[in-house]
């Protein structure tokens, strides 16, 4: 288990809370091509807003893609529910991060540059 301190450098399980940088500053995921097959799990330990942004968007390819129950959703910014216990599991396919499971609401968007 990895406890996040604001940087995401490898696949693993990250716990994010209001006492760390992640809920305040969007945390940037590494390029999906750096970890094909890598599983990243994020779980919230506070009621703060938590955002993930992605590296490597190009030619209109979004970083995050929705999975079961959220098909068709995609974006380069992913917001998790502001609730303790909200979580998301993402698998890198080498191009995108595919949402494989989640609890709470996920919101996909494209951040303003």
Protein backbone atom coordinates (compact mmCIF):
# COMPACT_ATOMS: atom_id res chain seq x y z
CA UNK A 1 0.00 0.00 0.00
CA UNK A 2 1.25 3.44 -0.92
CA UNK A 3 0.14 6.51 0.96
CA UNK A 4 0.15 9.39 -1.46
CA UNK A 5 2.14 12.49 -0.69
CA UNK A 6 1.06 14.37 -3.80
CA UNK A 7 2.91 12.44 -6.46
CA UNK A 8 1.90 9.31 -8.29
CA UNK A 9 4.94 7.49 -9.60
CA UNK A 10 3.95 3.83 -9.91
CA UNK A 11 0.96 1.50 -9.86
CA UNK A 12 -0.39 0.79 -6.39
CA UNK A 13 -2.97 1.71 -3.79
CA UNK A 14 -3.12 5.37 -2.79
CA UNK A 15 -5.03 6.78 0.18
CA UNK A 16 -5.88 10.45 -0.26
CA UNK A 17 -7.09 12.81 2.44
CA UNK A 18 -7.47 16.48 3.25
CA UNK A 19 -4.15 16.55 5.06
CA UNK A 20 -2.24 15.78 1.86
CA UNK A 21 -1.66 17.71 -1.36
CA UNK A 22 -3.90 15.59 -3.58
CA UNK A 23 -7.31 17.00 -2.61
CA UNK A 24 -6.12 20.59 -2.93
CA UNK A 25 -3.94 20.37 -6.02
CA UNK A 26 -4.82 18.17 -8.95
CA UNK A 27 -2.49 15.23 -8.92
CA UNK A 28 -1.05 14.22 -12.27
CA UNK A 29 -1.07 10.59 -13.29
CA UNK A 30 1.98 9.35 -15.16
CA UNK A 31 1.51 8.64 -18.86
CA UNK A 32 -0.49 5.43 -19.35
CA UNK A 33 2.20 4.25 -21.77
CA UNK A 34 4.68 4.15 -18.88
CA UNK A 35 2.74 1.39 -17.06
CA UNK A 36 0.76 -0.83 -19.46
CA UNK A 37 -1.12 -3.34 -17.31
CA UNK A 38 -0.57 -1.22 -14.19
CA UNK A 39 -3.41 -0.98 -11.67
CA UNK A 40 -3.91 2.27 -9.76
CA UNK A 41 -6.40 2.38 -6.89
CA UNK A 42 -7.37 5.59 -5.09
CA UNK A 43 -9.50 5.71 -1.96
CA UNK A 44 -10.64 8.82 -0.14
CA UNK A 45 -10.12 9.18 3.59
CA UNK A 46 -11.71 12.65 3.83
CA UNK A 47 -14.79 14.53 2.64
CA UNK A 48 -12.69 16.89 0.50
CA UNK A 49 -12.85 17.16 -3.29
CA UNK A 50 -10.28 14.92 -4.98
CA UNK A 51 -9.13 15.35 -8.59
CA UNK A 52 -6.82 13.38 -10.84
CA UNK A 53 -5.42 14.77 -14.07
CA UNK A 54 -3.47 12.92 -16.67
CA UNK A 55 -0.28 13.15 -18.65
CA UNK A 56 -0.03 12.36 -22.29
CA UNK A 57 -3.26 13.60 -23.87
CA UNK A 58 -2.60 14.02 -27.56
CA UNK A 59 -4.53 13.96 -30.82
CA UNK A 60 -7.80 14.09 -28.91
CA UNK A 61 -7.14 10.87 -26.99
CA UNK A 62 -8.44 11.40 -23.44
CA UNK A 63 -6.48 10.07 -20.47
CA UNK A 64 -9.39 8.48 -18.55
CA UNK A 65 -12.08 6.22 -20.03
CA UNK A 66 -15.23 5.07 -18.26
CA UNK A 67 -16.01 1.46 -17.60
CA UNK A 68 -19.02 -0.50 -16.39
CA UNK A 69 -22.02 1.72 -15.59
CA UNK A 70 -20.24 4.82 -16.92
CA UNK A 71 -19.59 3.77 -20.51
CA UNK A 72 -18.98 6.52 -22.98
CA UNK A 73 -17.45 8.76 -20.35
CA UNK A 74 -13.99 10.06 -20.95
CA UNK A 75 -11.82 13.02 -20.08
CA UNK A 76 -8.43 14.18 -18.92
CA UNK A 77 -9.62 15.17 -15.46
CA UNK A 78 -11.36 12.81 -13.07
CA UNK A 79 -13.18 14.01 -9.94
CA UNK A 80 -14.16 11.61 -7.17
CA UNK A 81 -17.09 12.09 -4.80
CA UNK A 82 -16.20 14.30 -1.84
CA UNK A 83 -16.90 11.50 0.64
CA UNK A 84 -14.98 9.15 2.88
CA UNK A 85 -14.85 5.77 1.16
CA UNK A 86 -15.16 7.05 -2.41
CA UNK A 87 -12.74 5.14 -4.59
CA UNK A 88 -11.70 4.33 -8.11
CA UNK A 89 -9.61 1.54 -9.64
CA UNK A 90 -7.99 2.17 -13.01
CA UNK A 91 -6.04 -0.12 -15.30
CA UNK A 92 -3.58 1.25 -17.84
CA UNK A 93 -3.98 -0.26 -21.30
CA UNK A 94 -0.88 1.60 -22.48
CA UNK A 95 -2.96 4.41 -24.04
CA UNK A 96 -5.65 5.27 -21.46
CA UNK A 97 -6.54 4.62 -17.85
CA UNK A 98 -9.67 2.44 -17.90
CA UNK A 99 -11.98 2.63 -14.90
CA UNK A 100 -12.53 -0.95 -13.77
CA UNK A 101 -14.43 -0.25 -10.53
CA UNK A 102 -15.52 2.66 -8.40
CA UNK A 103 -17.65 3.69 -5.44
CA UNK A 104 -19.37 7.06 -5.33
CA UNK A 105 -19.78 9.39 -8.28
CA UNK A 106 -17.09 9.96 -10.89
CA UNK A 107 -17.07 13.06 -13.08
CA UNK A 108 -14.99 13.19 -16.25
CA UNK A 109 -14.01 16.52 -17.79
CA UNK A 110 -11.25 18.17 -19.77
CA UNK A 111 -9.22 20.66 -17.73
CA UNK A 112 -8.73 24.15 -19.07
CA UNK A 113 -5.13 24.60 -20.18
